[in-house]
Amino acid sequence: MSRICELTGKGRQVGHNVSHANNKTKRTFLPNLQNVTLISEALDKGVRLRVSTHGLRSVEHVGGLDNWLTKTSDTELSLRARRLKREVAKKLAGTAA
């Protein structure tokens, strides 16, 4: 399983460890991923996702999972999140009609 946030697309970054003697060796910086269950109000169920803590704060700031999915472009989302976005959009369109 790759270490990529399913909502924000945040992945690993590459950099250097720098010693006191200024020797540089390659290293990776991994995102702080958490397995969380986010509640979808439109679907009335919980959805398990692997999300970075930054992404989790962003979802809470926007007002929940449904708002986040409707405002985010499909290019940033994982396949599971895109399918979830379609489900939420159908449900919201069905209740509005």
PDB file of N, CA and C in Angstrom:
ATOM      1  N   MET A   1       0.838  -1.173   0.000  1.00  0.00           N
ATOM      2  CA  MET A   1       0.000   0.000   0.000  1.00  0.00           C
ATOM      3  C   MET A   1       0.889   1.243   0.000  1.00  0.00           C
ATOM      4  N   SER A   2       0.683   2.129  -0.968  1.00  0.00           N
ATOM      5  CA  SER A   2       1.526   3.311  -1.067  1.00  0.00           C
ATOM      6  C   SER A   2       1.157   4.322   0.000  1.00  0.00           C
ATOM      7  N   ARG A   3       2.137   5.118   0.402  1.00  0.00           N
ATOM      8  CA  ARG A   3       1.923   6.083   1.469  1.00  0.00           C
ATOM      9  C   ARG A   3       1.478   7.408   0.863  1.00  0.00           C
ATOM     10  N   ILE A   4       0.212   7.429   0.395  1.00  0.00           N
ATOM     11  CA  ILE A   4      -0.369   8.622  -0.212  1.00  0.00           C
ATOM     12  C   ILE A   4      -1.719   8.875   0.431  1.00  0.00           C
ATOM     13  N   CYS A   5      -1.991  10.132   0.766  1.00  0.00           N
ATOM     14  CA  CYS A   5      -3.278  10.504   1.348  1.00  0.00           C
ATOM     15  C   CYS A   5      -4.363  10.346   0.289  1.00  0.00           C
ATOM     16  N   GLU A   6      -5.482   9.705   0.656  1.00  0.00           N
ATOM     17  CA  GLU A   6      -6.549   9.448  -0.303  1.00  0.00           C
ATOM     18  C   GLU A   6      -7.364  10.703  -0.622  1.00  0.00           C
ATOM     19  N   LEU A   7      -7.291  11.724   0.212  1.00  0.00           N
ATOM     20  CA  LEU A   7      -8.076  12.929  -0.041  1.00  0.00           C
ATOM     21  C   LEU A   7      -7.259  14.063  -0.650  1.00  0.00           C
ATOM     22  N   THR A   8      -6.045  14.269  -0.165  1.00  0.00           N
ATOM     23  CA  THR A   8      -5.257  15.397  -0.654  1.00  0.00           C
ATOM     24  C   THR A   8      -4.217  15.003  -1.689  1.00  0.00           C
ATOM     25  N   GLY A   9      -3.887  13.708  -1.786  1.00  0.00           N
ATOM     26  CA  GLY A   9      -2.867  13.267  -2.732  1.00  0.00           C
ATOM     27  C   GLY A   9      -1.452  13.505  -2.229  1.00  0.00           C
ATOM     28  N   LYS A  10      -1.326  13.904  -0.966  1.00  0.00           N
ATOM     29  CA  LYS A  10      -0.015  14.175  -0.397  1.00  0.00           C
ATOM     30  C   LYS A  10       0.772  12.878  -0.277  1.00  0.00           C
ATOM     31  N   GLY A  11       2.010  12.864  -0.791  1.00  0.00           N
ATOM     32  CA  GLY A  11       2.841  11.670  -0.784  1.00  0.00           C
ATOM     33  C   GLY A  11       4.187  11.941  -0.157  1.00  0.00           C
ATOM     34  N   ARG A  12       5.136  11.045  -0.422  1.00  0.00           N
ATOM     35  CA  ARG A  12       6.455  11.201   0.180  1.00  0.00           C
ATOM     36  C   ARG A  12       7.248  12.283  -0.542  1.00  0.00           C
ATOM     37  N   GLN A  13       8.184  12.882   0.189  1.00  0.00           N
ATOM     38  CA  GLN A  13       9.098  13.852  -0.383  1.00  0.00           C
ATOM     39  C   GLN A  13      10.514  13.365  -0.151  1.00  0.00           C
ATOM     40  N   VAL A  14      11.443  13.806  -0.990  1.00  0.00           N
ATOM     41  CA  VAL A  14      12.827  13.367  -0.899  1.00  0.00           C
ATOM     42  C   VAL A  14      13.688  14.545  -0.496  1.00  0.00           C
ATOM     43  N   GLY A  15      14.649  14.283   0.387  1.00  0.00           N
ATOM     44  CA  GLY A  15      15.555  15.330   0.836  1.00  0.00           C
ATOM     45  C   GLY A  15      16.861  14.734   1.290  1.00  0.00           C
ATOM     46  N   HIS A  16      17.574  15.477   2.127  1.00  0.00           N
ATOM     47  CA  HIS A  16      18.879  15.041   2.615  1.00  0.00           C
ATOM     48  C   HIS A  16      18.927  15.065   4.133  1.00  0.00           C
ATOM     49  N   ASN A  17      19.639  14.091   4.710  1.00  0.00           N
ATOM     50  CA  ASN A  17      20.122  14.220   6.082  1.00  0.00           C
ATOM     51  C   ASN A  17      21.436  14.976   5.984  1.00  0.00           C
ATOM     52  N   VAL A  18      21.618  15.990   6.783  1.00  0.00           N
ATOM     53  CA  VAL A  18      22.853  16.774   6.740  1.00  0.00           C
ATOM     54  C   VAL A  18      23.555  16.627   8.080  1.00  0.00           C
ATOM     55  N   SER A  19      24.771  16.105   8.042  1.00  0.00           N
ATOM     56  CA  SER A  19      25.537  15.884   9.263  1.00  0.00           C
ATOM     57  C   SER A  19      26.223  17.176   9.689  1.00  0.00           C
ATOM     58  N   HIS A  20      26.861  17.128  10.861  1.00  0.00           N
ATOM     59  CA  HIS A  20      27.599  18.281  11.372  1.00  0.00           C
ATOM     60  C   HIS A  20      28.748  18.643  10.425  1.00  0.00           C
ATOM     61  N   ALA A  21      29.311  17.635   9.755  1.00  0.00           N
ATOM     62  CA  ALA A  21      30.393  17.863   8.794  1.00  0.00           C
ATOM     63  C   ALA A  21      29.855  18.232   7.409  1.00  0.00           C
ATOM     64  N   ASN A  22      28.541  18.475   7.325  1.00  0.00           N
ATOM     65  CA  ASN A  22      27.855  18.871   6.098  1.00  0.00           C
ATOM     66  C   ASN A  22      27.858  17.774   5.030  1.00  0.00           C
ATOM     67  N   ASN A  23      27.947  16.486   5.467  1.00  0.00           N
ATOM     68  CA  ASN A  23      27.767  15.378   4.540  1.00  0.00           C
ATOM     69  C   ASN A  23      26.276  15.216   4.295  1.00  0.00           C
ATOM     70  N   LYS A  24      25.912  14.969   3.047  1.00  0.00           N
ATOM     71  CA  LYS A  24      24.498  14.843   2.703  1.00  0.00           C
ATOM     72  C   LYS A  24      24.201  13.424   2.239  1.00  0.00           C
ATOM     73  N   THR A  25      23.184  12.811   2.859  1.00  0.00           N
ATOM     74  CA  THR A  25      22.736  11.486   2.438  1.00  0.00           C
ATOM     75  C   THR A  25      21.241  11.568   2.166  1.00  0.00           C
ATOM     76  N   LYS A  26      20.812  10.816   1.151  1.00  0.00           N
ATOM     77  CA  LYS A  26      19.393  10.848   0.755  1.00  0.00           C
ATOM     78  C   LYS A  26      18.501  10.273   1.841  1.00  0.00           C
ATOM     79  N   ARG A  27      17.296  10.837   1.955  1.00  0.00           N
ATOM     80  CA  ARG A  27      16.291  10.306   2.867  1.00  0.00           C
ATOM     81  C   ARG A  27      14.917  10.678   2.340  1.00  0.00           C
ATOM     82  N   THR A  28      13.888  10.038   2.889  1.00  0.00           N
ATOM     83  CA  THR A  28      12.524  10.364   2.486  1.00  0.00           C
ATOM     84  C   THR A  28      11.757  10.908   3.678  1.00  0.00           C
ATOM     85  N   PHE A  29      10.856  11.831   3.397  1.00  0.00           N
ATOM     86  CA  PHE A  29       9.946  12.376   4.383  1.00  0.00           C
ATOM     87  C   PHE A  29       8.570  11.811   4.067  1.00  0.00           C
ATOM     88  N   LEU A  30       8.019  11.012   4.986  1.00  0.00           N
ATOM     89  CA  LEU A  30       6.727  10.373   4.756  1.00  0.00           C
ATOM     90  C   LEU A  30       5.616  11.200   5.398  1.00  0.00           C
ATOM     91  N   PRO A  31       4.445  11.244   4.762  1.00  0.00           N
ATOM     92  CA  PRO A  31       3.321  11.973   5.366  1.00  0.00           C
ATOM     93  C   PRO A  31       2.787  11.229   6.587  1.00  0.00           C
ATOM     94  N   ASN A  32       2.190  11.965   7.499  1.00  0.00           N
ATOM     95  CA  ASN A  32       1.622  11.379   8.718  1.00  0.00           C
ATOM     96  C   ASN A  32       0.226  10.864   8.386  1.00  0.00           C
ATOM     97  N   LEU A  33       0.149   9.598   7.955  1.00  0.00           N
ATOM     98  CA  LEU A  33      -1.124   9.014   7.540  1.00  0.00           C
ATOM     99  C   LEU A  33      -1.808   8.307   8.695  1.00  0.00           C
ATOM    100  N   GLN A  34      -3.121   8.448   8.767  1.00  0.00           N
ATOM    101  CA  GLN A  34      -3.928   7.821   9.803  1.00  0.00           C
ATOM    102  C   GLN A  34      -5.096   7.099   9.136  1.00  0.00           C
ATOM    103  N   ASN A  35      -5.460   5.945   9.665  1.00  0.00           N
ATOM    104  CA  ASN A  35      -6.666   5.265   9.223  1.00  0.00           C
ATOM    105  C   ASN A  35      -7.826   5.816  10.033  1.00  0.00           C
ATOM    106  N   VAL A  36      -8.746   6.510   9.361  1.00  0.00           N
ATOM    107  CA  VAL A  36      -9.855   7.148  10.062  1.00  0.00           C
ATOM    108  C   VAL A  36     -11.176   6.752   9.418  1.00  0.00           C
ATOM    109  N   THR A  37     -12.238   6.831  10.194  1.00  0.00           N
ATOM    110  CA  THR A  37     -13.590   6.632   9.690  1.00  0.00           C
ATOM    111  C   THR A  37     -14.266   7.987   9.675  1.00  0.00           C
ATOM    112  N   LEU A  38     -14.551   8.493   8.483  1.00  0.00           N
ATOM    113  CA  LEU A  38     -15.229   9.780   8.336  1.00  0.00           C
ATOM    114  C   LEU A  38     -16.695   9.528   8.045  1.00  0.00           C
ATOM    115  N   ILE A  39     -17.563  10.314   8.650  1.00  0.00           N
ATOM    116  CA  ILE A  39     -19.001  10.144   8.511  1.00  0.00           C
ATOM    117  C   ILE A  39     -19.493  10.963   7.326  1.00  0.00           C
ATOM    118  N   SER A  40     -20.193  10.306   6.409  1.00  0.00           N
ATOM    119  CA  SER A  40     -20.837  10.986   5.287  1.00  0.00           C
ATOM    120  C   SER A  40     -22.300  11.221   5.654  1.00  0.00           C
ATOM    121  N   GLU A  41     -22.685  12.491   5.747  1.00  0.00           N
ATOM    122  CA  GLU A  41     -24.067  12.815   6.118  1.00  0.00           C
ATOM    123  C   GLU A  41     -25.043  12.477   4.998  1.00  0.00           C
ATOM    124  N   ALA A  42     -24.601  12.608   3.743  1.00  0.00           N
ATOM    125  CA  ALA A  42     -25.488  12.312   2.616  1.00  0.00           C
ATOM    126  C   ALA A  42     -25.779  10.814   2.525  1.00  0.00           C
ATOM    127  N   LEU A  43     -24.761   9.984   2.780  1.00  0.00           N
ATOM    128  CA  LEU A  43     -24.929   8.540   2.660  1.00  0.00           C
ATOM    129  C   LEU A  43     -25.353   7.899   3.981  1.00  0.00           C
ATOM    130  N   ASP A  44     -25.305   8.642   5.074  1.00  0.00           N
ATOM    131  CA  ASP A  44     -25.648   8.142   6.412  1.00  0.00           C
ATOM    132  C   ASP A  44     -24.832   6.912   6.795  1.00  0.00           C
ATOM    133  N   LYS A  45     -23.528   6.959   6.515  1.00  0.00           N
ATOM    134  CA  LYS A  45     -22.655   5.853   6.910  1.00  0.00           C
ATOM    135  C   LYS A  45     -21.232   6.369   7.079  1.00  0.00           C
ATOM    136  N   GLY A  46     -20.414   5.566   7.744  1.00  0.00           N
ATOM    137  CA  GLY A  46     -19.010   5.888   7.932  1.00  0.00           C
ATOM    138  C   GLY A  46     -18.177   5.308   6.805  1.00  0.00           C
ATOM    139  N   VAL A  47     -17.130   6.016   6.432  1.00  0.00           N
ATOM    140  CA  VAL A  47     -16.243   5.579   5.350  1.00  0.00           C
ATOM    141  C   VAL A  47     -14.823   5.549   5.892  1.00  0.00           C
ATOM    142  N   ARG A  48     -14.158   4.392   5.766  1.00  0.00           N
ATOM    143  CA  ARG A  48     -12.778   4.266   6.221  1.00  0.00           C
ATOM    144  C   ARG A  48     -11.830   4.729   5.121  1.00  0.00           C
ATOM    145  N   LEU A  49     -10.974   5.692   5.454  1.00  0.00           N
ATOM    146  CA  LEU A  49     -10.007   6.223   4.510  1.00  0.00           C
ATOM    147  C   LEU A  49      -8.648   6.335   5.187  1.00  0.00           C
ATOM    148  N   ARG A  50      -7.599   6.373   4.381  1.00  0.00           N
ATOM    149  CA  ARG A  50      -6.248   6.600   4.882  1.00  0.00           C
ATOM    150  C   ARG A  50      -5.880   8.039   4.547  1.00  0.00           C
ATOM    151  N   VAL A  51      -5.894   8.887   5.563  1.00  0.00           N
ATOM    152  CA  VAL A  51      -5.807  10.333   5.358  1.00  0.00           C
ATOM    153  C   VAL A  51      -4.643  10.901   6.157  1.00  0.00           C
ATOM    154  N   SER A  52      -3.973  11.911   5.589  1.00  0.00           N
ATOM    155  CA  SER A  52      -2.938  12.614   6.329  1.00  0.00           C
ATOM    156  C   SER A  52      -3.594  13.511   7.372  1.00  0.00           C
ATOM    157  N   THR A  53      -2.854  13.861   8.395  1.00  0.00           N
ATOM    158  CA  THR A  53      -3.408  14.718   9.436  1.00  0.00           C
ATOM    159  C   THR A  53      -3.723  16.101   8.878  1.00  0.00           C
ATOM    160  N   HIS A  54      -2.950  16.563   7.927  1.00  0.00           N
ATOM    161  CA  HIS A  54      -3.246  17.833   7.255  1.00  0.00           C
ATOM    162  C   HIS A  54      -4.577  17.744   6.507  1.00  0.00           C
ATOM    163  N   GLY A  55      -4.800  16.634   5.818  1.00  0.00           N
ATOM    164  CA  GLY A  55      -6.056  16.434   5.099  1.00  0.00           C
ATOM    165  C   GLY A  55      -7.238  16.337   6.040  1.00  0.00           C
ATOM    166  N   LEU A  56      -7.034  15.717   7.184  1.00  0.00           N
ATOM    167  CA  LEU A  56      -8.098  15.586   8.179  1.00  0.00           C
ATOM    168  C   LEU A  56      -8.503  16.954   8.725  1.00  0.00           C
ATOM    169  N   ARG A  57      -7.523  17.809   9.006  1.00  0.00           N
ATOM    170  CA  ARG A  57      -7.816  19.170   9.464  1.00  0.00           C
ATOM    171  C   ARG A  57      -8.541  19.962   8.376  1.00  0.00           C
ATOM    172  N   SER A  58      -8.164  19.751   7.124  1.00  0.00           N
ATOM    173  CA  SER A  58      -8.808  20.455   6.015  1.00  0.00           C
ATOM    174  C   SER A  58     -10.268  20.034   5.876  1.00  0.00           C
ATOM    175  N   VAL A  59     -10.549  18.748   6.029  1.00  0.00           N
ATOM    176  CA  VAL A  59     -11.923  18.244   5.938  1.00  0.00           C
ATOM    177  C   VAL A  59     -12.771  18.859   7.049  1.00  0.00           C
ATOM    178  N   GLU A  60     -12.234  18.917   8.255  1.00  0.00           N
ATOM    179  CA  GLU A  60     -12.966  19.503   9.377  1.00  0.00           C
ATOM    180  C   GLU A  60     -13.197  20.997   9.155  1.00  0.00           C
ATOM    181  N   HIS A  61     -12.229  21.683   8.568  1.00  0.00           N
ATOM    182  CA  HIS A  61     -12.343  23.122   8.322  1.00  0.00           C
ATOM    183  C   HIS A  61     -13.438  23.440   7.306  1.00  0.00           C
ATOM    184  N   VAL A  62     -13.546  22.610   6.274  1.00  0.00           N
ATOM    185  CA  VAL A  62     -14.525  22.845   5.210  1.00  0.00           C
ATOM    186  C   VAL A  62     -15.943  22.516   5.674  1.00  0.00           C
ATOM    187  N   GLY A  63     -16.073  21.625   6.645  1.00  0.00           N
ATOM    188  CA  GLY A  63     -17.399  21.320   7.158  1.00  0.00           C
ATOM    189  C   GLY A  63     -17.827  19.882   6.978  1.00  0.00           C
ATOM    190  N   GLY A  64     -16.894  18.988   6.782  1.00  0.00           N
ATOM    191  CA  GLY A  64     -17.225  17.576   6.687  1.00  0.00           C
ATOM    192  C   GLY A  64     -16.802  16.952   5.374  1.00  0.00           C
ATOM    193  N   LEU A  65     -16.949  15.644   5.317  1.00  0.00           N
ATOM    194  CA  LEU A  65     -16.493  14.870   4.160  1.00  0.00           C
ATOM    195  C   LEU A  65     -17.265  15.220   2.893  1.00  0.00           C
ATOM    196  N   ASP A  66     -18.575  15.377   2.996  1.00  0.00           N
ATOM    197  CA  ASP A  66     -19.386  15.657   1.807  1.00  0.00           C
ATOM    198  C   ASP A  66     -18.995  16.986   1.168  1.00  0.00           C
ATOM    199  N   ASN A  67     -18.815  18.025   1.975  1.00  0.00           N
ATOM    200  CA  ASN A  67     -18.399  19.326   1.446  1.00  0.00           C
ATOM    201  C   ASN A  67     -17.020  19.254   0.820  1.00  0.00           C
ATOM    202  N   TRP A  68     -16.113  18.520   1.468  1.00  0.00           N
ATOM    203  CA  TRP A  68     -14.752  18.388   0.943  1.00  0.00           C
ATOM    204  C   TRP A  68     -14.759  17.733  -0.437  1.00  0.00           C
ATOM    205  N   LEU A  69     -15.521  16.643  -0.569  1.00  0.00           N
ATOM    206  CA  LEU A  69     -15.547  15.911  -1.835  1.00  0.00           C
ATOM    207  C   LEU A  69     -16.150  16.745  -2.958  1.00  0.00           C
ATOM    208  N   THR A  70     -17.194  17.510  -2.672  1.00  0.00           N
ATOM    209  CA  THR A  70     -17.822  18.302  -3.729  1.00  0.00           C
ATOM    210  C   THR A  70     -16.934  19.457  -4.181  1.00  0.00           C
ATOM    211  N   LYS A  71     -16.086  19.976  -3.296  1.00  0.00           N
ATOM    212  CA  LYS A  71     -15.241  21.123  -3.646  1.00  0.00           C
ATOM    213  C   LYS A  71     -13.888  20.743  -4.234  1.00  0.00           C
ATOM    214  N   THR A  72     -13.468  19.484  -4.069  1.00  0.00           N
ATOM    215  CA  THR A  72     -12.145  19.057  -4.519  1.00  0.00           C
ATOM    216  C   THR A  72     -12.221  18.482  -5.933  1.00  0.00           C
ATOM    217  N   SER A  73     -11.180  18.773  -6.741  1.00  0.00           N
ATOM    218  CA  SER A  73     -11.149  18.243  -8.106  1.00  0.00           C
ATOM    219  C   SER A  73     -10.795  16.755  -8.075  1.00  0.00           C
ATOM    220  N   ASP A  74     -11.204  16.040  -9.119  1.00  0.00           N
ATOM    221  CA  ASP A  74     -10.992  14.596  -9.187  1.00  0.00           C
ATOM    222  C   ASP A  74      -9.517  14.214  -9.312  1.00  0.00           C
ATOM    223  N   THR A  75      -8.679  15.109  -9.814  1.00  0.00           N
ATOM    224  CA  THR A  75      -7.273  14.766 -10.032  1.00  0.00           C
ATOM    225  C   THR A  75      -6.536  14.531  -8.716  1.00  0.00           C
ATOM    226  N   GLU A  76      -6.948  15.186  -7.639  1.00  0.00           N
ATOM    227  CA  GLU A  76      -6.273  15.015  -6.346  1.00  0.00           C
ATOM    228  C   GLU A  76      -6.751  13.781  -5.596  1.00  0.00           C
ATOM    229  N   LEU A  77      -7.949  13.299  -5.896  1.00  0.00           N
ATOM    230  CA  LEU A  77      -8.558  12.226  -5.121  1.00  0.00           C
ATOM    231  C   LEU A  77      -8.101  10.850  -5.601  1.00  0.00           C
ATOM    232  N   SER A  78      -8.112   9.882  -4.689  1.00  0.00           N
ATOM    233  CA  SER A  78      -7.814   8.495  -5.056  1.00  0.00           C
ATOM    234  C   SER A  78      -9.044   7.894  -5.744  1.00  0.00           C
ATOM    235  N   LEU A  79      -8.901   6.689  -6.261  1.00  0.00           N
ATOM    236  CA  LEU A  79     -10.001   6.017  -6.953  1.00  0.00           C
ATOM    237  C   LEU A  79     -11.182   5.802  -6.012  1.00  0.00           C
ATOM    238  N   ARG A  80     -10.908   5.348  -4.787  1.00  0.00           N
ATOM    239  CA  ARG A  80     -11.995   5.129  -3.810  1.00  0.00           C
ATOM    240  C   ARG A  80     -12.708   6.443  -3.481  1.00  0.00           C
ATOM    241  N   ALA A  81     -11.944   7.527  -3.340  1.00  0.00           N
ATOM    242  CA  ALA A  81     -12.544   8.817  -3.007  1.00  0.00           C
ATOM    243  C   ALA A  81     -13.372   9.352  -4.183  1.00  0.00           C
ATOM    244  N   ARG A  82     -12.915   9.105  -5.418  1.00  0.00           N
ATOM    245  CA  ARG A  82     -13.696   9.538  -6.590  1.00  0.00           C
ATOM    246  C   ARG A  82     -15.020   8.799  -6.678  1.00  0.00           C
ATOM    247  N   ARG A  83     -14.996   7.491  -6.383  1.00  0.00           N
ATOM    248  CA  ARG A  83     -16.252   6.725  -6.372  1.00  0.00           C
ATOM    249  C   ARG A  83     -17.183   7.233  -5.284  1.00  0.00           C
ATOM    250  N   LEU A  84     -16.621   7.542  -4.139  1.00  0.00           N
ATOM    251  CA  LEU A  84     -17.407   8.081  -3.032  1.00  0.00           C
ATOM    252  C   LEU A  84     -18.000   9.439  -3.402  1.00  0.00           C
ATOM    253  N   LYS A  85     -17.219  10.246  -4.101  1.00  0.00           N
ATOM    254  CA  LYS A  85     -17.694  11.562  -4.546  1.00  0.00           C
ATOM    255  C   LYS A  85     -18.893  11.409  -5.479  1.00  0.00           C
ATOM    256  N   ARG A  86     -18.835  10.430  -6.405  1.00  0.00           N
ATOM    257  CA  ARG A  86     -19.957  10.188  -7.307  1.00  0.00           C
ATOM    258  C   ARG A  86     -21.202   9.742  -6.547  1.00  0.00           C
ATOM    259  N   GLU A  87     -21.016   8.866  -5.553  1.00  0.00           N
ATOM    260  CA  GLU A  87     -22.153   8.409  -4.733  1.00  0.00           C
ATOM    261  C   GLU A  87     -22.799   9.569  -4.009  1.00  0.00           C
ATOM    262  N   VAL A  88     -21.978  10.432  -3.408  1.00  0.00           N
ATOM    263  CA  VAL A  88     -22.498  11.588  -2.666  1.00  0.00           C
ATOM    264  C   VAL A  88     -23.213  12.539  -3.608  1.00  0.00           C
ATOM    265  N   ALA A  89     -22.639  12.770  -4.799  1.00  0.00           N
ATOM    266  CA  ALA A  89     -23.275  13.680  -5.772  1.00  0.00           C
ATOM    267  C   ALA A  89     -24.628  13.146  -6.212  1.00  0.00           C
ATOM    268  N   LYS A  90     -24.719  11.828  -6.454  1.00  0.00           N
ATOM    269  CA  LYS A  90     -26.021  11.231  -6.839  1.00  0.00           C
ATOM    270  C   LYS A  90     -27.042  11.388  -5.734  1.00  0.00           C
ATOM    271  N   LYS A  91     -26.605  11.127  -4.502  1.00  0.00           N
ATOM    272  CA  LYS A  91     -27.507  11.209  -3.363  1.00  0.00           C
ATOM    273  C   LYS A  91     -27.996  12.648  -3.165  1.00  0.00           C
ATOM    274  N   LEU A  92     -27.077  13.608  -3.278  1.00  0.00           N
ATOM    275  CA  LEU A  92     -27.464  15.004  -3.102  1.00  0.00           C
ATOM    276  C   LEU A  92     -28.357  15.494  -4.240  1.00  0.00           C
ATOM    277  N   ALA A  93     -28.095  15.024  -5.463  1.00  0.00           N
ATOM    278  CA  ALA A  93     -28.946  15.397  -6.606  1.00  0.00           C
ATOM    279  C   ALA A  93     -30.313  14.771  -6.457  1.00  0.00           C
ATOM    280  N   GLY A  94     -30.411  13.573  -5.914  1.00  0.00           N
ATOM    281  CA  GLY A  94     -31.687  12.899  -5.711  1.00  0.00           C
ATOM    282  C   GLY A  94     -32.542  13.581  -4.659  1.00  0.00           C
ATOM    283  N   THR A  95     -31.910  14.110  -3.616  1.00  0.00           N
ATOM    284  CA  THR A  95     -32.683  14.787  -2.558  1.00  0.00           C
ATOM    285  C   THR A  95     -33.088  16.192  -2.980  1.00  0.00           C
ATOM    286  N   ALA A  96     -32.303  16.814  -3.873  1.00  0.00           N
ATOM    287  CA  ALA A  96     -32.633  18.170  -4.316  1.00  0.00           C
ATOM    288  C   ALA A  96     -33.780  18.169  -5.323  1.00  0.00           C
ATOM    289  N   ALA A  97     -33.943  17.078  -6.067  1.00  0.00           N
ATOM    290  CA  ALA A  97     -34.984  17.017  -7.108  1.00  0.00           C
ATOM    291  C   ALA A  97     -36.351  16.707  -6.537  1.00  0.00           C
TER     292      ALA A  97
END
